[in-house]
């Protein structure tokens, strides 16, 4: 959407309000996306903590122990990776919340400006 030069103070205020509304909507969508990613990481961490296989009666104890050790090592590595991703997402969520707050404040100012210049 090309930005046109407004012809009046009111048009400028309306244009500012429109841009501020777009920015606030975009910030809200970004926050929703991050929240969804965090929920997915949480679900994956929960699934990782729950054992998902049962041994058969014919499996030897040594084979079970070896498989359990390998599985545990893989789970620890995956758990560390998920924890790191979760930490980054939490930082992104805080930044997105600040962006949304700033965008909403700018939108409120823009709405007020339109009210002031509208007779």
Foldseek 3Di string as FASTA:
>chain_A
DDDDDDDDLLRVLVSQLVVLVVQLVVLVVQLVVLVVVLVVLVVVLVVLVDDDDDDDPPDDPVNVVVVVVVSVVVSVVVNVVSVVVNVVSVVVNVVSVVSNVVSVVSNVVSVVSSVVPDD
